[in-house]
């Protein structure tokens, strides 16, 4: 179990969600972004979604994509969110899911 404070966890997720929103805003994709109650929902033109939600009790970020559900822990040493099963960085998953769901290659640098 992580010893990260809840405040730090929320700050990290807030920063992450801003970065994800900015990356999508800078892309040419036709999509809608909604950030409500700490949940970031990305709706692509074809109706598919990516959902990033925070799980404060577990200090995890959960991502729901068409390909499944994924849980991420914050890796302090690498300063990035990594899949708790595979070790894959969040940015790699977001790029892959965006390519799968919207047909566009979007680079999530630094994630």
PDB file of N, CA and C in Angstrom:
ATOM      1  N   UNK A   1       0.850  -1.197   0.000  1.00  0.00           N
ATOM      2  CA  UNK A   1       0.000   0.000   0.000  1.00  0.00           C
ATOM      3  C   UNK A   1       0.888   1.250   0.000  1.00  0.00           C
ATOM      4  N   UNK A   2       0.505   2.206  -0.797  1.00  0.00           N
ATOM      5  CA  UNK A   2       1.289   3.428  -0.917  1.00  0.00           C
ATOM      6  C   UNK A   2       1.169   4.276   0.343  1.00  0.00           C
ATOM      7  N   UNK A   3       2.251   4.988   0.649  1.00  0.00           N
ATOM      8  CA  UNK A   3       2.223   5.893   1.792  1.00  0.00           C
ATOM      9  C   UNK A   3       1.974   7.323   1.329  1.00  0.00           C
ATOM     10  N   UNK A   4       1.659   7.497   0.058  1.00  0.00           N
ATOM     11  CA  UNK A   4       1.396   8.824  -0.488  1.00  0.00           C
ATOM     12  C   UNK A   4       0.187   9.459   0.210  1.00  0.00           C
ATOM     13  N   UNK A   5       0.291  10.752   0.505  1.00  0.00           N
ATOM     14  CA  UNK A   5      -0.836  11.443   1.119  1.00  0.00           C
ATOM     15  C   UNK A   5      -1.951  11.619   0.089  1.00  0.00           C
ATOM     16  N   UNK A   6      -3.169  11.722   0.598  1.00  0.00           N
ATOM     17  CA  UNK A   6      -4.307  11.900  -0.312  1.00  0.00           C
ATOM     18  C   UNK A   6      -4.185  13.217  -1.074  1.00  0.00           C
ATOM     19  N   UNK A   7      -3.688  14.261  -0.406  1.00  0.00           N
ATOM     20  CA  UNK A   7      -3.532  15.560  -1.072  1.00  0.00           C
ATOM     21  C   UNK A   7      -2.550  15.459  -2.243  1.00  0.00           C
ATOM     22  N   UNK A   8      -1.428  14.796  -2.013  1.00  0.00           N
ATOM     23  CA  UNK A   8      -0.446  14.623  -3.092  1.00  0.00           C
ATOM     24  C   UNK A   8      -1.038  13.789  -4.223  1.00  0.00           C
ATOM     25  N   UNK A   9      -1.767  12.741  -3.881  1.00  0.00           N
ATOM     26  CA  UNK A   9      -2.414  11.913  -4.889  1.00  0.00           C
ATOM     27  C   UNK A   9      -3.327  12.761  -5.780  1.00  0.00           C
ATOM     28  N   UNK A  10      -4.170  13.585  -5.160  1.00  0.00           N
ATOM     29  CA  UNK A  10      -5.098  14.417  -5.943  1.00  0.00           C
ATOM     30  C   UNK A  10      -4.337  15.428  -6.803  1.00  0.00           C
ATOM     31  N   UNK A  11      -3.258  15.998  -6.262  1.00  0.00           N
ATOM     32  CA  UNK A  11      -2.443  16.935  -7.049  1.00  0.00           C
ATOM     33  C   UNK A  11      -1.850  16.238  -8.268  1.00  0.00           C
ATOM     34  N   UNK A  12      -1.337  15.030  -8.074  1.00  0.00           N
ATOM     35  CA  UNK A  12      -0.740  14.276  -9.178  1.00  0.00           C
ATOM     36  C   UNK A  12      -1.777  13.952 -10.248  1.00  0.00           C
ATOM     37  N   UNK A  13      -2.965  13.518  -9.826  1.00  0.00           N
ATOM     38  CA  UNK A  13      -4.005  13.180 -10.799  1.00  0.00           C
ATOM     39  C   UNK A  13      -4.503  14.446 -11.498  1.00  0.00           C
ATOM     40  N   UNK A  14      -4.650  15.544 -10.757  1.00  0.00           N
ATOM     41  CA  UNK A  14      -5.064  16.807 -11.382  1.00  0.00           C
ATOM     42  C   UNK A  14      -4.075  17.213 -12.473  1.00  0.00           C
ATOM     43  N   UNK A  15      -2.786  17.146 -12.153  1.00  0.00           N
ATOM     44  CA  UNK A  15      -1.742  17.496 -13.128  1.00  0.00           C
ATOM     45  C   UNK A  15      -1.810  16.573 -14.339  1.00  0.00           C
ATOM     46  N   UNK A  16      -1.959  15.294 -14.073  1.00  0.00           N
ATOM     47  CA  UNK A  16      -2.036  14.314 -15.156  1.00  0.00           C
ATOM     48  C   UNK A  16      -3.235  14.593 -16.063  1.00  0.00           C
ATOM     49  N   UNK A  17      -4.390  14.814 -15.461  1.00  0.00           N
ATOM     50  CA  UNK A  17      -5.591  15.033 -16.266  1.00  0.00           C
ATOM     51  C   UNK A  17      -5.465  16.317 -17.096  1.00  0.00           C
ATOM     52  N   UNK A  18      -4.833  17.348 -16.532  1.00  0.00           N
ATOM     53  CA  UNK A  18      -4.596  18.576 -17.309  1.00  0.00           C
ATOM     54  C   UNK A  18      -3.699  18.281 -18.510  1.00  0.00           C
ATOM     55  N   UNK A  19      -2.649  17.505 -18.287  1.00  0.00           N
ATOM     56  CA  UNK A  19      -1.733  17.155 -19.378  1.00  0.00           C
ATOM     57  C   UNK A  19      -2.456  16.366 -20.467  1.00  0.00           C
ATOM     58  N   UNK A  20      -3.281  15.408 -20.062  1.00  0.00           N
ATOM     59  CA  UNK A  20      -4.045  14.607 -21.030  1.00  0.00           C
ATOM     60  C   UNK A  20      -4.998  15.503 -21.808  1.00  0.00           C
ATOM     61  N   UNK A  21      -5.710  16.392 -21.110  1.00  0.00           N
ATOM     62  CA  UNK A  21      -6.627  17.317 -21.785  1.00  0.00           C
ATOM     63  C   UNK A  21      -5.873  18.205 -22.772  1.00  0.00           C
ATOM     64  N   UNK A  22      -4.737  18.753 -22.349  1.00  0.00           N
ATOM     65  CA  UNK A  22      -3.946  19.629 -23.228  1.00  0.00           C
ATOM     66  C   UNK A  22      -3.463  18.873 -24.461  1.00  0.00           C
ATOM     67  N   UNK A  23      -3.036  17.617 -24.260  1.00  0.00           N
ATOM     68  CA  UNK A  23      -2.562  16.811 -25.380  1.00  0.00           C
ATOM     69  C   UNK A  23      -3.684  16.569 -26.378  1.00  0.00           C
ATOM     70  N   UNK A  24      -4.865  16.233 -25.881  1.00  0.00           N
ATOM     71  CA  UNK A  24      -6.003  16.036 -26.787  1.00  0.00           C
ATOM     72  C   UNK A  24      -6.418  17.351 -27.450  1.00  0.00           C
ATOM     73  N   UNK A  25      -6.387  18.459 -26.685  1.00  0.00           N
ATOM     74  CA  UNK A  25      -6.729  19.774 -27.262  1.00  0.00           C
ATOM     75  C   UNK A  25      -5.789  20.134 -28.404  1.00  0.00           C
ATOM     76  N   UNK A  26      -4.517  19.772 -28.267  1.00  0.00           N
ATOM     77  CA  UNK A  26      -3.513  20.101 -29.279  1.00  0.00           C
ATOM     78  C   UNK A  26      -3.571  19.161 -30.480  1.00  0.00           C
ATOM     79  N   UNK A  27      -4.290  18.048 -30.339  1.00  0.00           N
ATOM     80  CA  UNK A  27      -4.406  17.102 -31.460  1.00  0.00           C
ATOM     81  C   UNK A  27      -5.498  17.604 -32.403  1.00  0.00           C
ATOM     82  N   UNK A  28      -5.580  16.991 -33.566  1.00  0.00           N
ATOM     83  CA  UNK A  28      -6.612  17.365 -34.537  1.00  0.00           C
ATOM     84  C   UNK A  28      -7.836  16.469 -34.432  1.00  0.00           C
ATOM     85  N   UNK A  29      -7.922  15.715 -33.367  1.00  0.00           N
ATOM     86  CA  UNK A  29      -9.033  14.780 -33.209  1.00  0.00           C
ATOM     87  C   UNK A  29     -10.342  15.497 -32.923  1.00  0.00           C
ATOM     88  N   UNK A  30     -11.408  14.943 -33.469  1.00  0.00           N
ATOM     89  CA  UNK A  30     -12.759  15.416 -33.185  1.00  0.00           C
ATOM     90  C   UNK A  30     -13.226  14.659 -31.947  1.00  0.00           C
ATOM     91  N   UNK A  31     -13.262  15.342 -30.815  1.00  0.00           N
ATOM     92  CA  UNK A  31     -13.639  14.677 -29.567  1.00  0.00           C
ATOM     93  C   UNK A  31     -14.210  15.674 -28.585  1.00  0.00           C
ATOM     94  N   UNK A  32     -14.820  15.146 -27.549  1.00  0.00           N
ATOM     95  CA  UNK A  32     -15.333  15.960 -26.447  1.00  0.00           C
ATOM     96  C   UNK A  32     -14.625  15.536 -25.178  1.00  0.00           C
ATOM     97  N   UNK A  33     -14.246  16.526 -24.373  1.00  0.00           N
ATOM     98  CA  UNK A  33     -13.609  16.268 -23.083  1.00  0.00           C
ATOM     99  C   UNK A  33     -14.535  16.763 -21.982  1.00  0.00           C
ATOM    100  N   UNK A  34     -14.704  15.946 -20.969  1.00  0.00           N
ATOM    101  CA  UNK A  34     -15.489  16.366 -19.814  1.00  0.00           C
ATOM    102  C   UNK A  34     -14.752  15.942 -18.558  1.00  0.00           C
ATOM    103  N   UNK A  35     -14.506  16.908 -17.678  1.00  0.00           N
ATOM    104  CA  UNK A  35     -13.865  16.609 -16.402  1.00  0.00           C
ATOM    105  C   UNK A  35     -14.857  16.973 -15.313  1.00  0.00           C
ATOM    106  N   UNK A  36     -15.388  15.959 -14.665  1.00  0.00           N
ATOM    107  CA  UNK A  36     -16.421  16.178 -13.660  1.00  0.00           C
ATOM    108  C   UNK A  36     -16.188  15.251 -12.479  1.00  0.00           C
ATOM    109  N   UNK A  37     -16.137  15.818 -11.301  1.00  0.00           N
ATOM    110  CA  UNK A  37     -15.963  15.014 -10.099  1.00  0.00           C
ATOM    111  C   UNK A  37     -14.682  14.209 -10.084  1.00  0.00           C
ATOM    112  N   UNK A  38     -13.638  14.746 -10.736  1.00  0.00           N
ATOM    113  CA  UNK A  38     -12.361  14.053 -10.755  1.00  0.00           C
ATOM    114  C   UNK A  38     -12.262  12.962 -11.803  1.00  0.00           C
ATOM    115  N   UNK A  39     -13.299  12.830 -12.635  1.00  0.00           N
ATOM    116  CA  UNK A  39     -13.300  11.831 -13.699  1.00  0.00           C
ATOM    117  C   UNK A  39     -13.178  12.545 -15.039  1.00  0.00           C
ATOM    118  N   UNK A  40     -12.167  12.176 -15.805  1.00  0.00           N
ATOM    119  CA  UNK A  40     -11.965  12.749 -17.136  1.00  0.00           C
ATOM    120  C   UNK A  40     -12.508  11.762 -18.162  1.00  0.00           C
ATOM    121  N   UNK A  41     -13.495  12.214 -18.940  1.00  0.00           N
ATOM    122  CA  UNK A  41     -14.089  11.389 -19.982  1.00  0.00           C
ATOM    123  C   UNK A  41     -13.733  11.980 -21.334  1.00  0.00           C
ATOM    124  N   UNK A  42     -13.159  11.144 -22.192  1.00  0.00           N
ATOM    125  CA  UNK A  42     -12.812  11.528 -23.555  1.00  0.00           C
ATOM    126  C   UNK A  42     -13.779  10.782 -24.472  1.00  0.00           C
ATOM    127  N   UNK A  43     -14.594  11.539 -25.217  1.00  0.00           N
ATOM    128  CA  UNK A  43     -15.546  10.923 -26.150  1.00  0.00           C
ATOM    129  C   UNK A  43     -15.078  11.202 -27.567  1.00  0.00           C
ATOM    130  N   UNK A  44     -14.768  10.126 -28.287  1.00  0.00           N
ATOM    131  CA  UNK A  44     -14.319  10.256 -29.667  1.00  0.00           C
ATOM    132  C   UNK A  44     -15.519  10.367 -30.607  1.00  0.00           C
ATOM    133  N   UNK A  45     -15.265  10.817 -31.833  1.00  0.00           N
ATOM    134  CA  UNK A  45     -16.333  11.049 -32.807  1.00  0.00           C
ATOM    135  C   UNK A  45     -17.131   9.780 -33.098  1.00  0.00           C
ATOM    136  N   UNK A  46     -16.493   8.610 -32.987  1.00  0.00           N
ATOM    137  CA  UNK A  46     -17.190   7.359 -33.287  1.00  0.00           C
ATOM    138  C   UNK A  46     -18.009   6.831 -32.109  1.00  0.00           C
ATOM    139  N   UNK A  47     -18.037   7.599 -31.010  1.00  0.00           N
ATOM    140  CA  UNK A  47     -18.839   7.208 -29.857  1.00  0.00           C
ATOM    141  C   UNK A  47     -18.082   6.439 -28.788  1.00  0.00           C
ATOM    142  N   UNK A  48     -16.868   5.985 -29.099  1.00  0.00           N
ATOM    143  CA  UNK A  48     -16.098   5.268 -28.077  1.00  0.00           C
ATOM    144  C   UNK A  48     -15.538   6.266 -27.071  1.00  0.00           C
ATOM    145  N   UNK A  49     -15.180   5.756 -25.911  1.00  0.00           N
ATOM    146  CA  UNK A  49     -14.730   6.620 -24.818  1.00  0.00           C
ATOM    147  C   UNK A  49     -13.460   6.086 -24.167  1.00  0.00           C
ATOM    148  N   UNK A  50     -12.731   7.020 -23.578  1.00  0.00           N
ATOM    149  CA  UNK A  50     -11.643   6.726 -22.653  1.00  0.00           C
ATOM    150  C   UNK A  50     -12.030   7.421 -21.358  1.00  0.00           C
ATOM    151  N   UNK A  51     -11.957   6.723 -20.250  1.00  0.00           N
ATOM    152  CA  UNK A  51     -12.341   7.322 -18.972  1.00  0.00           C
ATOM    153  C   UNK A  51     -11.198   7.148 -17.981  1.00  0.00           C
ATOM    154  N   UNK A  52     -10.739   8.271 -17.425  1.00  0.00           N
ATOM    155  CA  UNK A  52      -9.687   8.266 -16.418  1.00  0.00           C
ATOM    156  C   UNK A  52     -10.319   8.659 -15.094  1.00  0.00           C
ATOM    157  N   UNK A  53     -10.321   7.740 -14.139  1.00  0.00           N
ATOM    158  CA  UNK A  53     -10.934   8.030 -12.847  1.00  0.00           C
ATOM    159  C   UNK A  53      -9.959   7.739 -11.716  1.00  0.00           C
ATOM    160  N   UNK A  54     -10.080   8.518 -10.680  1.00  0.00           N
ATOM    161  CA  UNK A  54      -9.179   8.364  -9.531  1.00  0.00           C
ATOM    162  C   UNK A  54      -9.810   7.467  -8.475  1.00  0.00           C
ATOM    163  N   UNK A  55      -8.962   6.687  -7.852  1.00  0.00           N
ATOM    164  CA  UNK A  55      -9.374   5.795  -6.766  1.00  0.00           C
ATOM    165  C   UNK A  55      -8.541   6.165  -5.538  1.00  0.00           C
ATOM    166  N   UNK A  56      -8.989   7.193  -4.783  1.00  0.00           N
ATOM    167  CA  UNK A  56      -8.166   7.717  -3.686  1.00  0.00           C
ATOM    168  C   UNK A  56      -7.793   6.686  -2.630  1.00  0.00           C
ATOM    169  N   UNK A  57      -8.699   5.798  -2.277  1.00  0.00           N
ATOM    170  CA  UNK A  57      -8.403   4.826  -1.221  1.00  0.00           C
ATOM    171  C   UNK A  57      -7.232   3.919  -1.614  1.00  0.00           C
ATOM    172  N   UNK A  58      -7.114   3.644  -2.915  1.00  0.00           N
ATOM    173  CA  UNK A  58      -6.045   2.772  -3.410  1.00  0.00           C
ATOM    174  C   UNK A  58      -4.855   3.572  -3.925  1.00  0.00           C
ATOM    175  N   UNK A  59      -5.008   4.907  -4.015  1.00  0.00           N
ATOM    176  CA  UNK A  59      -3.992   5.784  -4.615  1.00  0.00           C
ATOM    177  C   UNK A  59      -3.686   5.316  -6.041  1.00  0.00           C
ATOM    178  N   UNK A  60      -4.756   4.959  -6.763  1.00  0.00           N
ATOM    179  CA  UNK A  60      -4.600   4.498  -8.132  1.00  0.00           C
ATOM    180  C   UNK A  60      -5.402   5.366  -9.090  1.00  0.00           C
ATOM    181  N   UNK A  61      -4.962   5.345 -10.330  1.00  0.00           N
ATOM    182  CA  UNK A  61      -5.698   5.934 -11.435  1.00  0.00           C
ATOM    183  C   UNK A  61      -6.218   4.771 -12.263  1.00  0.00           C
ATOM    184  N   UNK A  62      -7.504   4.763 -12.536  1.00  0.00           N
ATOM    185  CA  UNK A  62      -8.092   3.695 -13.337  1.00  0.00           C
ATOM    186  C   UNK A  62      -8.449   4.253 -14.704  1.00  0.00           C
ATOM    187  N   UNK A  63      -8.176   3.463 -15.733  1.00  0.00           N
ATOM    188  CA  UNK A  63      -8.494   3.862 -17.103  1.00  0.00           C
ATOM    189  C   UNK A  63      -9.398   2.803 -17.708  1.00  0.00           C
ATOM    190  N   UNK A  64     -10.528   3.257 -18.234  1.00  0.00           N
ATOM    191  CA  UNK A  64     -11.433   2.374 -18.966  1.00  0.00           C
ATOM    192  C   UNK A  64     -11.323   2.740 -20.438  1.00  0.00           C
ATOM    193  N   UNK A  65     -11.025   1.722 -21.241  1.00  0.00           N
ATOM    194  CA  UNK A  65     -10.908   1.893 -22.687  1.00  0.00           C
ATOM    195  C   UNK A  65     -11.693   0.772 -23.350  1.00  0.00           C
ATOM    196  N   UNK A  66     -11.840   0.857 -24.669  1.00  0.00           N
ATOM    197  CA  UNK A  66     -12.564  -0.190 -25.369  1.00  0.00           C
ATOM    198  C   UNK A  66     -11.877  -1.544 -25.168  1.00  0.00           C
ATOM    199  N   UNK A  67     -10.560  -1.533 -25.007  1.00  0.00           N
ATOM    200  CA  UNK A  67      -9.796  -2.772 -24.863  1.00  0.00           C
ATOM    201  C   UNK A  67      -9.807  -3.328 -23.440  1.00  0.00           C
ATOM    202  N   UNK A  68     -10.401  -2.597 -22.494  1.00  0.00           N
ATOM    203  CA  UNK A  68     -10.495  -3.113 -21.133  1.00  0.00           C
ATOM    204  C   UNK A  68     -10.280  -2.058 -20.068  1.00  0.00           C
ATOM    205  N   UNK A  69     -10.132  -2.534 -18.843  1.00  0.00           N
ATOM    206  CA  UNK A  69      -9.889  -1.657 -17.708  1.00  0.00           C
ATOM    207  C   UNK A  69      -8.467  -1.837 -17.212  1.00  0.00           C
ATOM    208  N   UNK A  70      -7.835  -0.737 -16.819  1.00  0.00           N
ATOM    209  CA  UNK A  70      -6.432  -0.759 -16.426  1.00  0.00           C
ATOM    210  C   UNK A  70      -6.240   0.056 -15.160  1.00  0.00           C
ATOM    211  N   UNK A  71      -5.369  -0.433 -14.286  1.00  0.00           N
ATOM    212  CA  UNK A  71      -5.103   0.249 -13.015  1.00  0.00           C
ATOM    213  C   UNK A  71      -3.653   0.709 -12.991  1.00  0.00           C
ATOM    214  N   UNK A  72      -3.451   1.970 -12.576  1.00  0.00           N
ATOM    215  CA  UNK A  72      -2.113   2.557 -12.579  1.00  0.00           C
ATOM    216  C   UNK A  72      -1.734   3.057 -11.201  1.00  0.00           C
ATOM    217  N   UNK A  73      -0.469   2.761 -10.840  1.00  0.00           N
ATOM    218  CA  UNK A  73       0.133   3.275  -9.614  1.00  0.00           C
ATOM    219  C   UNK A  73       1.147   4.342 -10.003  1.00  0.00           C
ATOM    220  N   UNK A  74       1.362   5.300  -9.090  1.00  0.00           N
ATOM    221  CA  UNK A  74       2.365   6.326  -9.366  1.00  0.00           C
ATOM    222  C   UNK A  74       3.735   5.818  -8.940  1.00  0.00           C
ATOM    223  N   UNK A  75       4.671   5.830  -9.878  1.00  0.00           N
ATOM    224  CA  UNK A  75       6.042   5.406  -9.618  1.00  0.00           C
ATOM    225  C   UNK A  75       6.872   6.642  -9.295  1.00  0.00           C
ATOM    226  N   UNK A  76       7.177   6.822  -8.018  1.00  0.00           N
ATOM    227  CA  UNK A  76       7.920   8.012  -7.581  1.00  0.00           C
ATOM    228  C   UNK A  76       9.295   8.087  -8.234  1.00  0.00           C
ATOM    229  N   UNK A  77       9.960   6.940  -8.389  1.00  0.00           N
ATOM    230  CA  UNK A  77      11.320   6.961  -8.929  1.00  0.00           C
ATOM    231  C   UNK A  77      11.332   7.418 -10.392  1.00  0.00           C
ATOM    232  N   UNK A  78      10.290   7.048 -11.131  1.00  0.00           N
ATOM    233  CA  UNK A  78      10.234   7.441 -12.538  1.00  0.00           C
ATOM    234  C   UNK A  78       9.339   8.642 -12.791  1.00  0.00           C
ATOM    235  N   UNK A  79       8.650   9.098 -11.747  1.00  0.00           N
ATOM    236  CA  UNK A  79       7.709  10.223 -11.842  1.00  0.00           C
ATOM    237  C   UNK A  79       6.680  10.004 -12.951  1.00  0.00           C
ATOM    238  N   UNK A  80       6.117   8.790 -12.987  1.00  0.00           N
ATOM    239  CA  UNK A  80       5.056   8.529 -13.943  1.00  0.00           C
ATOM    240  C   UNK A  80       4.132   7.441 -13.426  1.00  0.00           C
ATOM    241  N   UNK A  81       2.952   7.382 -14.033  1.00  0.00           N
ATOM    242  CA  UNK A  81       1.951   6.381 -13.696  1.00  0.00           C
ATOM    243  C   UNK A  81       2.235   5.122 -14.507  1.00  0.00           C
ATOM    244  N   UNK A  82       2.262   3.975 -13.827  1.00  0.00           N
ATOM    245  CA  UNK A  82       2.550   2.700 -14.497  1.00  0.00           C
ATOM    246  C   UNK A  82       1.454   1.680 -14.188  1.00  0.00           C
ATOM    247  N   UNK A  83       1.174   0.845 -15.172  1.00  0.00           N
ATOM    248  CA  UNK A  83       0.179  -0.210 -15.030  1.00  0.00           C
ATOM    249  C   UNK A  83       0.613  -1.150 -13.903  1.00  0.00           C
ATOM    250  N   UNK A  84      -0.306  -1.415 -12.967  1.00  0.00           N
ATOM    251  CA  UNK A  84       0.061  -2.208 -11.789  1.00  0.00           C
ATOM    252  C   UNK A  84       0.287  -3.685 -12.108  1.00  0.00           C
ATOM    253  N   UNK A  85      -0.057  -4.105 -13.321  1.00  0.00           N
ATOM    254  CA  UNK A  85       0.148  -5.498 -13.715  1.00  0.00           C
ATOM    255  C   UNK A  85       1.326  -5.651 -14.670  1.00  0.00           C
ATOM    256  N   UNK A  86       1.382  -4.762 -15.674  1.00  0.00           N
ATOM    257  CA  UNK A  86       2.373  -4.920 -16.749  1.00  0.00           C
ATOM    258  C   UNK A  86       3.557  -3.977 -16.631  1.00  0.00           C
ATOM    259  N   UNK A  87       3.418  -2.895 -15.842  1.00  0.00           N
ATOM    260  CA  UNK A  87       4.478  -1.900 -15.751  1.00  0.00           C
ATOM    261  C   UNK A  87       4.496  -0.914 -16.912  1.00  0.00           C
ATOM    262  N   UNK A  88       3.516  -1.036 -17.819  1.00  0.00           N
ATOM    263  CA  UNK A  88       3.442  -0.135 -18.965  1.00  0.00           C
ATOM    264  C   UNK A  88       3.134   1.289 -18.496  1.00  0.00           C
ATOM    265  N   UNK A  89       3.848   2.293 -19.010  1.00  0.00           N
ATOM    266  CA  UNK A  89       3.531   3.677 -18.647  1.00  0.00           C
ATOM    267  C   UNK A  89       2.152   4.080 -19.178  1.00  0.00           C
ATOM    268  N   UNK A  90       1.498   4.960 -18.446  1.00  0.00           N
ATOM    269  CA  UNK A  90       0.166   5.431 -18.831  1.00  0.00           C
ATOM    270  C   UNK A  90       0.153   6.029 -20.238  1.00  0.00           C
ATOM    271  N   UNK A  91       1.178   6.814 -20.574  1.00  0.00           N
ATOM    272  CA  UNK A  91       1.217   7.458 -21.890  1.00  0.00           C
ATOM    273  C   UNK A  91       1.170   6.459 -23.030  1.00  0.00           C
ATOM    274  N   UNK A  92       1.845   5.327 -22.848  1.00  0.00           N
ATOM    275  CA  UNK A  92       1.847   4.285 -23.885  1.00  0.00           C
ATOM    276  C   UNK A  92       0.450   3.701 -24.059  1.00  0.00           C
ATOM    277  N   UNK A  93      -0.234   3.459 -22.952  1.00  0.00           N
ATOM    278  CA  UNK A  93      -1.604   2.941 -23.038  1.00  0.00           C
ATOM    279  C   UNK A  93      -2.522   3.963 -23.714  1.00  0.00           C
ATOM    280  N   UNK A  94      -2.419   5.240 -23.320  1.00  0.00           N
ATOM    281  CA  UNK A  94      -3.283   6.261 -23.903  1.00  0.00           C
ATOM    282  C   UNK A  94      -3.050   6.389 -25.406  1.00  0.00           C
ATOM    283  N   UNK A  95      -1.779   6.322 -25.822  1.00  0.00           N
ATOM    284  CA  UNK A  95      -1.467   6.386 -27.256  1.00  0.00           C
ATOM    285  C   UNK A  95      -2.081   5.202 -27.988  1.00  0.00           C
ATOM    286  N   UNK A  96      -1.914   4.019 -27.423  1.00  0.00           N
ATOM    287  CA  UNK A  96      -2.443   2.812 -28.063  1.00  0.00           C
ATOM    288  C   UNK A  96      -3.966   2.844 -28.125  1.00  0.00           C
ATOM    289  N   UNK A  97      -4.610   3.232 -27.027  1.00  0.00           N
ATOM    290  CA  UNK A  97      -6.073   3.272 -26.983  1.00  0.00           C
ATOM    291  C   UNK A  97      -6.621   4.319 -27.954  1.00  0.00           C
ATOM    292  N   UNK A  98      -5.932   5.455 -28.062  1.00  0.00           N
ATOM    293  CA  UNK A  98      -6.376   6.499 -28.992  1.00  0.00           C
ATOM    294  C   UNK A  98      -6.253   6.016 -30.430  1.00  0.00           C
ATOM    295  N   UNK A  99      -5.178   5.315 -30.734  1.00  0.00           N
ATOM    296  CA  UNK A  99      -5.001   4.754 -32.075  1.00  0.00           C
ATOM    297  C   UNK A  99      -6.083   3.706 -32.354  1.00  0.00           C
ATOM    298  N   UNK A 100      -6.360   2.840 -31.389  1.00  0.00           N
ATOM    299  CA  UNK A 100      -7.375   1.800 -31.550  1.00  0.00           C
ATOM    300  C   UNK A 100      -8.773   2.387 -31.695  1.00  0.00           C
ATOM    301  N   UNK A 101      -9.066   3.417 -30.919  1.00  0.00           N
ATOM    302  CA  UNK A 101     -10.432   3.912 -30.844  1.00  0.00           C
ATOM    303  C   UNK A 101     -10.719   5.076 -31.791  1.00  0.00           C
ATOM    304  N   UNK A 102      -9.694   5.855 -32.144  1.00  0.00           N
ATOM    305  CA  UNK A 102      -9.929   7.030 -32.998  1.00  0.00           C
ATOM    306  C   UNK A 102      -9.130   6.972 -34.293  1.00  0.00           C
ATOM    307  N   UNK A 103      -8.255   5.978 -34.409  1.00  0.00           N
ATOM    308  CA  UNK A 103      -7.494   5.830 -35.641  1.00  0.00           C
ATOM    309  C   UNK A 103      -6.401   6.861 -35.829  1.00  0.00           C
ATOM    310  N   UNK A 104      -6.035   7.554 -34.765  1.00  0.00           N
ATOM    311  CA  UNK A 104      -4.990   8.579 -34.853  1.00  0.00           C
ATOM    312  C   UNK A 104      -3.885   8.263 -33.859  1.00  0.00           C
ATOM    313  N   UNK A 105      -2.665   8.580 -34.259  1.00  0.00           N
ATOM    314  CA  UNK A 105      -1.515   8.371 -33.396  1.00  0.00           C
ATOM    315  C   UNK A 105      -1.231   9.661 -32.641  1.00  0.00           C
ATOM    316  N   UNK A 106      -1.521   9.665 -31.360  1.00  0.00           N
ATOM    317  CA  UNK A 106      -1.300  10.836 -30.506  1.00  0.00           C
ATOM    318  C   UNK A 106      -0.222  10.472 -29.491  1.00  0.00           C
ATOM    319  N   UNK A 107       0.790  11.316 -29.394  1.00  0.00           N
ATOM    320  CA  UNK A 107       1.907  11.075 -28.476  1.00  0.00           C
ATOM    321  C   UNK A 107       1.641  11.769 -27.142  1.00  0.00           C
ATOM    322  N   UNK A 108       1.653  10.991 -26.073  1.00  0.00           N
ATOM    323  CA  UNK A 108       1.471  11.544 -24.731  1.00  0.00           C
ATOM    324  C   UNK A 108       2.846  11.629 -24.081  1.00  0.00           C
ATOM    325  N   UNK A 109       3.594  12.653 -24.452  1.00  0.00           N
ATOM    326  CA  UNK A 109       4.987  12.808 -24.025  1.00  0.00           C
ATOM    327  C   UNK A 109       5.068  12.963 -22.505  1.00  0.00           C
ATOM    328  N   UNK A 110       6.037  12.281 -21.937  1.00  0.00           N
ATOM    329  CA  UNK A 110       6.279  12.426 -20.507  1.00  0.00           C
ATOM    330  C   UNK A 110       5.317  11.675 -19.614  1.00  0.00           C
ATOM    331  N   UNK A 111       4.358  10.972 -20.212  1.00  0.00           N
ATOM    332  CA  UNK A 111       3.429  10.185 -19.407  1.00  0.00           C
ATOM    333  C   UNK A 111       3.801   8.731 -19.539  1.00  0.00           C
TER     334      UNK A 111
END
